[in-house]
Protein backbone atom coordinates (compact mmCIF):
# COMPACT_ATOMS: atom_id res chain seq x y z
CA MET A 1 26.70 7.86 59.28
CA PHE A 2 23.65 8.96 57.48
CA CYS A 3 25.64 10.22 53.90
CA SER A 4 26.93 6.67 53.90
CA ARG A 5 23.70 4.72 54.17
CA THR A 6 21.91 7.06 51.33
CA ALA A 7 25.37 6.55 49.49
CA GLU A 8 24.69 2.58 49.91
CA ARG A 9 21.13 2.63 49.04
CA LYS A 10 21.96 4.86 45.74
CA GLY A 11 24.62 2.11 44.87
CA ARG A 12 22.26 -0.86 45.40
CA ARG A 13 19.84 0.99 42.97
CA VAL A 14 22.62 1.77 40.45
CA GLY A 15 23.68 -1.81 40.75
CA ALA A 16 20.08 -3.33 40.23
CA LEU A 17 19.52 -0.77 37.55
CA GLY A 18 22.65 -2.15 35.66
CA LEU A 19 21.32 -5.75 35.88
CA SER A 20 18.26 -4.81 34.12
CA LEU A 21 19.31 -2.93 31.84
CA ALA A 22 22.06 -5.66 30.84
CA LEU A 23 19.18 -7.72 30.10
CA LEU A 24 17.37 -5.02 27.97
CA VAL A 25 20.12 -4.11 25.92
CA ALA A 26 20.47 -7.78 25.00
CA ALA A 27 17.09 -7.68 23.67
CA PRO A 28 17.60 -5.57 20.56
CA GLY A 29 20.60 -6.39 19.88
CA ARG A 30 19.79 -10.10 19.58
CA VAL A 31 17.14 -8.95 16.39
CA PHE A 32 20.48 -7.49 14.67
CA ALA A 33 23.22 -10.17 15.67
CA ALA A 34 21.14 -13.58 15.41
CA ALA A 35 22.89 -14.50 12.21
CA ASP A 36 26.34 -13.55 13.96
CA ALA A 37 25.54 -15.74 16.63
CA GLY A 38 24.47 -19.01 14.79
CA GLU A 39 20.98 -18.75 15.30
CA PRO A 40 18.36 -19.61 12.82
CA GLN A 41 16.70 -16.86 11.13
CA GLY A 42 12.91 -16.11 11.24
CA GLN A 43 10.74 -17.58 8.87
CA GLY A 44 9.12 -14.15 8.43
CA ALA A 45 9.59 -11.68 5.57
CA PRO A 46 13.08 -10.86 5.60
CA ALA A 47 14.02 -7.30 5.88
CA HIS A 48 17.60 -7.27 5.17
CA ARG A 49 16.42 -8.98 1.35
CA LEU A 50 13.40 -6.96 0.95
CA LEU A 51 14.68 -3.46 1.89
CA ARG A 52 17.43 -3.86 -1.04
CA ASP A 53 15.40 -6.01 -3.66
CA ALA A 54 12.25 -3.93 -4.47
CA ALA A 55 11.61 -6.45 -7.21
CA GLY A 56 11.65 -8.83 -4.49
CA LEU A 57 9.16 -7.03 -2.22
CA SER A 58 6.63 -6.81 -5.54
CA SER A 59 6.56 -10.65 -5.58
CA TRP A 60 6.25 -10.81 -2.05
CA LEU A 61 3.15 -8.72 -1.81
CA ARG A 62 1.64 -10.23 -4.77
CA GLU A 63 2.05 -13.74 -3.26
CA HIS A 64 1.26 -12.35 0.50
CA HIS A 65 -0.83 -9.79 0.71
CA PRO A 66 -4.75 -9.48 0.50
CA ASP A 67 -5.10 -6.65 -0.74
CA LEU A 68 -3.48 -7.69 -3.87
CA ARG A 69 -5.36 -11.04 -4.18
CA ALA A 70 -8.66 -8.73 -3.91
CA SER A 71 -7.28 -6.25 -6.68
CA ARG A 72 -6.64 -9.28 -9.22
CA ALA A 73 -10.10 -10.88 -8.35
CA ARG A 74 -11.38 -7.31 -9.28
CA GLU A 75 -9.14 -7.70 -12.68
CA ARG A 76 -10.48 -10.87 -13.33
CA GLN A 77 -13.92 -9.79 -12.75
CA ALA A 78 -13.52 -6.81 -15.67
CA ARG A 79 -12.01 -9.38 -17.69
CA ALA A 80 -15.05 -11.50 -17.56
CA GLN A 81 -17.44 -8.18 -17.99
CA THR A 82 -15.15 -7.84 -21.02
CA ARG A 83 -15.81 -10.90 -22.53
CA GLY A 84 -19.56 -11.05 -21.87
CA ALA A 85 -19.95 -7.17 -23.51
CA ARG A 86 -19.50 -8.76 -27.14
CA LEU A 87 -21.51 -11.68 -27.02
CA LEU A 88 -24.97 -11.80 -29.28
CA GLN A 89 -28.25 -11.64 -27.04
CA ASN A 90 -29.49 -15.47 -26.36
CA PRO A 91 -32.19 -16.54 -29.12
CA VAL A 92 -35.95 -16.66 -27.56
CA LEU A 93 -37.96 -19.70 -28.50
CA ASP A 94 -41.41 -19.49 -28.32
CA THR A 95 -44.25 -21.71 -28.67
CA SER A 96 -48.32 -21.34 -28.61
CA LEU A 97 -51.15 -23.49 -28.49
CA SER A 98 -54.63 -21.90 -30.27
CA ASN A 99 -57.75 -23.16 -31.98
CA ILE A 100 -58.85 -25.12 -28.67
CA PRO A 101 -62.77 -25.68 -29.29
CA LEU A 102 -65.08 -25.21 -26.10
CA SER A 103 -67.97 -26.82 -27.71
CA GLU A 104 -68.40 -29.27 -30.64
CA ALA A 105 -69.38 -28.14 -33.66
CA HIS A 106 -69.79 -30.32 -36.85
CA GLY A 107 -68.27 -32.99 -35.05
CA GLN A 108 -64.79 -31.13 -34.71
CA THR A 109 -62.60 -31.96 -31.53
CA PHE A 110 -59.67 -30.90 -29.90
CA SER A 111 -57.22 -33.10 -32.50
CA ASP A 112 -59.03 -31.74 -35.59
CA ALA A 113 -59.21 -28.21 -34.52
CA ALA A 114 -55.98 -27.11 -32.81
CA ILE A 115 -53.30 -25.33 -33.92
CA VAL A 116 -49.73 -25.24 -32.64
CA GLY A 117 -46.95 -22.97 -33.32
CA VAL A 118 -43.24 -22.41 -32.54
CA GLY A 119 -40.94 -19.75 -33.36
CA LEU A 120 -37.30 -18.75 -32.83
CA SER A 121 -36.57 -14.88 -32.39
CA GLU A 122 -33.06 -13.27 -32.52
CA THR A 123 -32.53 -9.50 -31.62
CA PHE A 124 -29.77 -8.24 -33.61
CA GLU A 125 -28.50 -5.02 -32.06
CA LEU A 126 -27.65 -1.90 -34.14
CA GLY A 127 -24.50 0.39 -33.43
CA LYS A 128 -24.56 -1.24 -29.46
CA ARG A 129 -22.44 -3.98 -29.08
CA GLY A 130 -19.30 -2.06 -30.59
CA PRO A 131 -19.34 1.00 -27.90
CA ARG A 132 -20.40 -1.34 -25.07
CA GLY A 133 -17.29 -3.98 -25.83
CA GLU A 134 -14.81 -1.11 -26.26
CA ALA A 135 -16.11 0.25 -22.69
CA ALA A 136 -15.48 -2.96 -21.15
CA ALA A 137 -12.39 -3.41 -22.74
CA LEU A 138 -11.04 -0.02 -21.26
CA ARG A 139 -12.31 -0.93 -18.23
CA GLU A 140 -10.31 -4.26 -18.19
CA ARG A 141 -7.34 -2.40 -18.81
CA ALA A 142 -8.17 0.01 -16.25
CA ALA A 143 -8.66 -2.53 -13.29
CA GLU A 144 -4.83 -3.63 -14.20
CA PHE A 145 -3.57 -0.27 -14.17
CA ASP A 146 -5.52 -0.32 -10.67
CA THR A 147 -3.98 -3.75 -9.27
CA ALA A 148 -0.48 -2.15 -10.18
CA ALA A 149 -1.63 1.16 -8.10
CA THR A 150 -2.53 -1.03 -5.35
CA LEU A 151 0.66 -2.83 -5.39
CA SER A 152 2.84 0.42 -5.63
CA ASP A 153 0.86 1.91 -2.83
CA ARG A 154 1.66 -1.46 -0.86
CA ILE A 155 5.46 -1.54 -1.96
CA THR A 156 5.61 2.10 -0.26
CA VAL A 157 3.71 1.12 3.02
CA ALA A 158 5.76 -1.81 2.92
CA ARG A 159 9.10 -0.37 2.88
CA ASP A 160 8.09 2.01 5.22
CA ALA A 161 6.98 -0.20 7.81
CA LEU A 162 10.14 -2.14 7.45
CA GLY A 163 12.45 1.08 7.45
CA ARG A 164 10.59 1.97 10.46
CA ALA A 165 10.85 -1.06 12.29
CA VAL A 166 14.98 -0.97 11.43
CA HIS A 167 15.03 2.60 12.41
CA LEU A 168 13.39 2.38 15.98
CA GLY A 169 15.32 -0.53 16.49
CA LEU A 170 19.04 0.76 15.71
CA ARG A 171 17.67 3.82 18.01
CA VAL A 172 17.01 1.05 20.76
CA ASN A 173 20.61 -0.22 20.23
CA ILE A 174 22.27 3.58 20.38
CA LEU A 175 20.38 4.11 23.73
CA ALA A 176 21.14 0.69 24.94
CA GLU A 177 24.83 1.36 24.40
CA SER A 178 24.39 4.59 26.12
CA LEU A 179 22.55 3.69 28.99
CA ALA A 180 25.28 0.69 29.73
CA ASP A 181 27.95 3.62 29.55
CA ALA A 182 26.15 5.70 32.13
CA GLU A 183 25.30 2.72 34.08
CA ARG A 184 29.38 2.32 33.89
CA ALA A 185 29.83 5.78 34.68
CA ALA A 186 27.27 5.51 37.91
CA THR A 187 29.02 2.22 39.14
CA LEU A 188 32.33 4.29 38.89
CA GLU A 189 30.95 7.87 40.13
CA ARG A 190 29.28 5.40 43.78
CA THR A 191 33.13 4.47 44.48
CA ARG A 192 34.30 8.20 44.09
CA LEU A 193 31.12 9.52 46.42
CA GLU A 194 32.08 6.93 48.86
CA GLN A 195 35.94 8.18 48.68
CA LYS A 196 34.52 12.04 49.63
CA ALA A 197 35.71 12.50 45.79
CA LEU A 198 32.34 13.44 44.37
CA SER A 199 29.47 15.46 46.03
CA GLY A 200 25.81 13.86 46.65
CA MET A 201 24.66 16.70 44.52
CA ASP A 202 26.73 15.85 41.66
CA TYR A 203 25.97 11.93 41.96
CA ASP A 204 22.46 12.67 42.49
CA ARG A 205 22.39 14.77 39.46
CA LEU A 206 23.93 11.72 37.57
CA LEU A 207 21.66 9.53 38.69
CA LEU A 208 18.89 11.65 37.00
CA ASP A 209 20.51 11.90 33.85
CA LEU A 210 20.59 8.18 33.90
CA ALA A 211 16.93 7.94 34.86
CA ASN A 212 16.04 10.24 32.14
CA LEU A 213 18.12 7.73 29.69
CA ARG A 214 16.39 5.05 30.91
CA ALA A 215 12.86 6.83 30.23
CA ASP A 216 14.05 7.52 26.71
CA PHE A 217 15.00 3.86 26.22
CA ALA A 218 11.43 2.63 27.18
CA ARG A 219 9.82 4.71 25.29
CA ASP A 220 11.56 3.76 22.34
CA GLN A 221 11.28 -0.04 23.32
CA ALA A 222 7.29 0.43 23.09
CA GLU A 223 7.68 1.97 19.73
CA TYR A 224 9.92 -0.36 18.40
CA ALA A 225 7.37 -3.14 19.58
CA ALA A 226 4.51 -1.15 17.53
CA ALA A 227 6.61 -0.55 14.61
CA GLN A 228 7.15 -4.36 14.28
CA ALA A 229 3.48 -5.19 14.42
CA ASP A 230 2.77 -2.48 11.90
CA CYS A 231 5.59 -4.37 9.95
CA ALA A 232 3.51 -7.59 10.41
CA ALA A 233 0.32 -5.83 8.61
CA ALA A 234 2.19 -4.43 5.90
CA LEU A 235 3.74 -7.29 4.80
CA ALA A 236 0.84 -9.86 5.96
CA ALA A 237 3.61 -11.50 7.88
CA GLU A 238 6.18 -11.57 10.96
CA CYS A 239 9.43 -9.09 9.98
CA ASP A 240 12.51 -10.63 10.40
CA LEU A 241 14.97 -7.86 11.23
CA THR A 242 17.70 -10.53 11.22
CA ASN A 243 21.38 -8.81 9.63
CA THR A 244 19.56 -5.35 9.23
CA SER A 245 21.80 -2.34 9.56
CA GLU A 246 21.57 1.57 9.16
CA ASP A 247 22.83 0.87 5.37
CA ASP A 248 19.56 -0.46 4.71
CA LEU A 249 17.83 2.65 4.90
CA THR A 250 20.03 4.12 2.10
CA GLY A 251 18.22 1.63 -1.08
CA ALA A 252 15.68 3.70 -1.92
CA SER A 253 17.05 5.95 -4.79
CA ALA A 254 14.53 7.86 -6.59
CA ASP A 255 15.14 9.17 -9.93
CA ALA A 256 13.23 12.47 -10.63
CA ALA A 257 14.53 12.77 -14.41
CA ARG A 258 11.68 13.54 -16.38
CA ALA A 259 9.10 13.62 -13.93
CA GLU A 260 6.27 15.01 -16.35
CA GLU A 261 6.71 11.95 -18.42
CA ARG A 262 6.48 9.50 -15.39
CA LEU A 263 3.71 11.37 -13.56
CA GLU A 264 1.66 10.63 -16.77
CA ALA A 265 2.30 7.18 -17.18
CA ARG A 266 1.60 6.51 -13.47
CA PRO A 267 -0.64 3.32 -13.12
CA ASP A 268 -3.51 5.40 -11.15
CA VAL A 269 -3.18 8.17 -13.42
CA ARG A 270 -3.56 6.05 -16.47
CA SER A 271 -6.47 4.42 -15.04
CA LEU A 272 -8.44 7.52 -14.52
CA GLY A 273 -7.60 8.34 -18.10
CA LEU A 274 -9.21 4.86 -19.05
CA GLU A 275 -12.21 5.28 -16.92
CA ALA A 276 -12.71 8.69 -18.53
CA SER A 277 -12.51 7.04 -22.12
CA ALA A 278 -14.98 4.14 -21.26
CA SER A 279 -17.09 6.78 -20.16
CA GLU A 280 -17.07 8.35 -23.61
CA ARG A 281 -18.19 4.97 -25.06
CA ASP A 282 -20.97 4.54 -22.49
CA ALA A 283 -22.27 7.66 -23.99
CA ARG A 284 -22.09 6.53 -27.66
CA LEU A 285 -23.59 3.57 -26.42
CA ALA A 286 -26.33 5.52 -25.03
CA ALA A 287 -26.87 7.93 -27.95
CA ASN A 288 -27.40 4.96 -30.22
CA ARG A 289 -30.31 3.63 -28.72
CA ALA A 290 -31.85 5.79 -30.56
CA ILE A 291 -31.21 3.26 -33.21
CA PRO A 292 -33.91 0.42 -32.86
CA ASP A 293 -33.01 -3.00 -32.54
CA VAL A 294 -34.01 -5.69 -34.92
CA THR A 295 -35.83 -8.73 -33.99
CA LEU A 296 -36.05 -11.41 -36.28
CA ARG A 297 -38.66 -13.98 -35.78
CA VAL A 298 -38.69 -17.42 -37.88
CA GLY A 299 -42.38 -19.47 -36.82
CA TYR A 300 -43.55 -22.61 -37.64
CA VAL A 301 -47.49 -23.49 -37.47
CA TYR A 302 -48.94 -27.16 -37.61
CA ASP A 303 -52.91 -26.04 -38.32
CA ARG A 304 -55.23 -29.11 -37.79
CA PHE A 305 -58.07 -27.37 -38.77
CA ILE A 306 -58.45 -28.21 -42.34
CA ALA A 307 -61.71 -28.50 -42.51
CA ALA A 308 -62.33 -25.38 -42.30
CA GLY A 309 -59.85 -24.68 -45.77
CA ASP A 310 -56.61 -24.07 -43.86
CA ILE A 311 -53.29 -25.35 -44.69
CA GLY A 312 -51.82 -27.63 -42.41
CA HIS A 313 -48.24 -26.57 -42.64
CA THR A 314 -46.69 -23.19 -42.78
CA LEU A 315 -43.59 -21.15 -41.67
CA GLY A 316 -43.79 -17.43 -41.42
CA VAL A 317 -41.32 -14.52 -41.14
CA SER A 318 -41.42 -11.35 -39.14
CA LEU A 319 -39.70 -8.34 -38.03
CA ALA A 320 -40.10 -5.86 -34.99
CA LEU A 321 -38.90 -2.71 -34.27
CA PRO A 322 -38.87 -0.89 -30.83
CA LEU A 323 -40.13 3.14 -31.46
CA PRO A 324 -37.47 5.00 -29.35
CA VAL A 325 -40.03 8.15 -28.93
CA PHE A 326 -39.94 8.74 -25.23
CA ASP A 327 -36.40 7.18 -24.10
CA HIS A 328 -33.88 7.28 -26.56
CA GLY A 329 -30.69 6.87 -23.77
CA GLN A 330 -30.47 10.98 -23.80
CA HIS A 331 -30.34 11.08 -20.24
CA ASP A 332 -27.71 7.83 -19.78
CA ALA A 333 -25.87 9.52 -22.37
CA THR A 334 -25.52 13.17 -20.29
CA ARG A 335 -24.54 11.10 -17.45
CA ALA A 336 -22.05 9.38 -19.51
CA LYS A 337 -20.23 12.44 -20.41
CA GLU A 338 -20.44 14.27 -17.32
CA HIS A 339 -19.01 10.90 -15.88
CA ALA A 340 -16.07 11.08 -18.19
CA LEU A 341 -15.56 14.90 -17.57
CA GLU A 342 -15.35 13.99 -13.67
CA MET A 343 -12.72 11.41 -14.49
CA ALA A 344 -10.75 14.01 -16.25
CA ALA A 345 -11.07 16.30 -13.96
CA GLU A 346 -9.98 13.79 -10.98
CA LYS A 347 -6.85 12.97 -13.13
CA GLU A 348 -6.08 16.76 -13.71
CA SER A 349 -6.26 16.83 -9.97
CA MET A 350 -3.94 14.02 -9.11
CA LEU A 351 -1.46 15.14 -11.58
CA GLU A 352 -1.11 18.50 -10.14
CA GLU A 353 -0.99 17.10 -6.63
CA ALA A 354 1.69 15.02 -7.73
CA ARG A 355 3.53 17.78 -9.27
CA ALA A 356 3.62 19.47 -6.00
CA ASP A 357 4.53 16.79 -3.95
CA VAL A 358 7.46 16.39 -6.15
CA ARG A 359 8.55 19.81 -6.00
CA GLY A 360 8.44 19.48 -2.13
CA LEU A 361 9.80 16.00 -1.86
CA LEU A 362 12.98 17.01 -3.78
CA SER A 363 13.18 20.38 -1.70
CA ARG A 364 13.45 18.24 1.83
CA LYS A 365 15.72 15.40 -0.48
CA ALA A 366 18.18 18.29 -1.02
CA ALA A 367 18.08 19.93 2.59
CA LEU A 368 18.48 16.42 4.21
CA GLU A 369 21.27 15.27 2.15
CA LYS A 370 23.01 18.59 3.26
CA ASN A 371 22.09 18.17 6.72
CA ILE A 372 23.29 14.51 6.68
CA ASP A 373 26.74 15.40 4.76
CA VAL A 374 27.47 18.31 7.61
CA LEU A 375 26.63 15.68 10.33
CA GLU A 376 28.74 12.87 9.27
CA ARG A 377 31.75 14.88 8.16
CA ASP A 378 31.94 17.82 10.51
CA THR A 379 29.30 17.54 13.60
CA LEU A 380 29.63 13.88 15.10
CA PRO A 381 33.08 13.61 14.75
CA ARG A 382 33.82 16.82 16.89
CA SER A 383 30.86 15.84 19.27
CA SER A 384 32.60 12.50 19.38
CA GLY A 385 36.26 14.34 20.43
CA VAL A 386 34.56 16.59 22.93
CA LEU A 387 32.83 13.69 24.62
CA SER A 388 35.90 11.56 24.70
CA SER A 389 38.05 14.94 26.10
CA ALA A 390 34.94 15.85 28.61
CA GLU A 391 35.20 12.31 30.30
CA ARG A 392 38.60 11.82 30.63
CA ALA A 393 39.05 15.48 32.10
CA PHE A 394 36.15 14.89 34.44
CA HIS A 395 37.93 11.76 35.71
CA GLU A 396 40.64 13.87 35.95
CA GLY A 397 38.87 16.53 37.89
CA GLY A 398 39.44 19.22 35.20
CA VAL A 399 35.62 19.61 34.56
CA SER A 400 32.57 19.75 36.34
CA LEU A 401 30.12 16.18 36.54
CA THR A 402 27.49 18.85 34.62
CA ASP A 403 29.63 19.58 31.62
CA PHE A 404 30.37 15.85 30.99
CA LEU A 405 26.86 15.04 31.36
CA LEU A 406 26.14 17.50 28.97
CA SER A 407 29.02 16.44 26.72
CA ARG A 408 27.22 13.23 26.61
CA ARG A 409 23.84 13.87 26.04
CA THR A 410 24.77 16.12 23.22
CA HIS A 411 26.34 13.17 21.39
CA ILE A 412 23.72 11.04 21.95
CA ALA A 413 21.04 13.39 20.75
CA LEU A 414 23.02 13.96 17.38
CA SER A 415 23.63 10.32 17.00
CA LEU A 416 19.85 9.94 17.35
CA THR A 417 19.55 12.87 15.05
CA ARG A 418 21.47 11.27 11.97
CA LEU A 419 19.94 8.22 12.38
CA ASP A 420 16.34 9.95 12.14
CA GLN A 421 17.27 12.08 9.11
CA ARG A 422 18.79 9.33 7.46
CA PHE A 423 15.20 7.55 8.11
CA GLU A 424 13.42 10.60 7.07
CA LEU A 425 15.74 10.71 3.89
CA PHE A 426 14.64 7.17 3.42
CA GLN A 427 10.94 7.87 3.54
CA ILE A 428 11.48 10.84 1.21
CA GLU A 429 12.83 8.64 -1.21
CA ASN A 430 10.08 5.79 -0.81
CA GLU A 431 7.52 8.33 -1.29
CA LEU A 432 9.25 10.11 -4.49
CA ASN A 433 9.45 6.29 -5.96
CA ARG A 434 5.79 6.07 -5.41
CA VAL A 435 4.85 9.79 -6.64
CA LEU A 436 6.80 9.25 -9.86
CA GLY A 437 5.42 5.76 -10.43
CA LEU A 438 9.24 3.97 -10.33
CA ASN A 439 8.05 0.90 -7.79
CA PRO A 440 8.42 -2.36 -9.56
CA THR A 441 4.58 -3.14 -10.03
CA ALA A 442 4.53 -5.38 -13.55
CA PRO A 443 4.78 -9.02 -12.85
CA GLN A 444 7.51 -11.12 -14.32
CA GLY A 445 7.15 -11.49 -17.77
CA LYS A 446 4.94 -9.17 -18.24
CA PRO A 447 5.82 -5.26 -19.72
């Protein structure tokens, strides 16, 4: 009597669990099958298209992401600075009033004695506008490469976020299907328990395995929600996962040919090289401060003090030369040279790290491709056959429940392992594209 009531309570729990599971299973499935069901697609970033179209993802980020807008603003600032660096200095207009009488002498008043002067001065820089303009032009070009480097990084982050959302959605689907199968099996085994064809211990073991599956499913559901939030941040819009599938995780094929040449052409590497060259121009500009700039002044004097024999209207020309005795740019030149060395060292360090990254990523890529090939050709088909045989034998009484549960858990684990490794391979290829500078960063119509 007691055993019967216990079995009935367990059966009710299984039934309630099955209802809740059906609702949970439907949720992630809707993400991947909305279009097939005739539902309208989302208005956010279309993951299915952007994962397969790198140029389209680049255009999307240029249009939507605030980091790219900020980078383009810095580029425009550098362009304005280049234009300003080549301008001549503004002329200086001066005026003077002198010979103002403070007492009357021989009947001379202010209008009889005042002297008014007007002058125009212009400073002509010698050996400075050229280096300053060259440095600004180099920094303008470096700012363009900085924008390209920022875009490349954002493409990598966005692809990773999109791929992670798809990957976790697929994991949720696999676990949901496994849970649905486990629920159906639990319902069938409850009947066997009631008919005394299954022991209470085996039935409890089945429920424990079901609870374990449910915990895995809930954990992946939470990670999937977090991945969707990360994807929205990376794309600056909600991610539309309609029609996405595992095939979307294989579209980031990285070509590692001519790796060294590609590394040298990376936008962030070229930006550092340009910054080093600009600092060398800064050093030359500072050294040229030893050459004094010429200030030319042309002045006109209107002299009312004619009674003293002065000439009423005169024109004067003068030259002024500052003497660079104490500060002739020696310290600024040293600082600029050291900054150039710093940028060159950072560039070499970046290249060394990139070379190491390429070697490591290629090694991991080869190992993963081999593992995935073995899983897809041999391990998973064999596991599927073992599971089918174990399930059939268990229902016929040929194997124990423990063997059946072990076979099922092994097959689920292998399916998830293959999916996880495909996503890891996707991440490696995605990172290789960034390290090798293969992400499309040039806007349309610009080389």
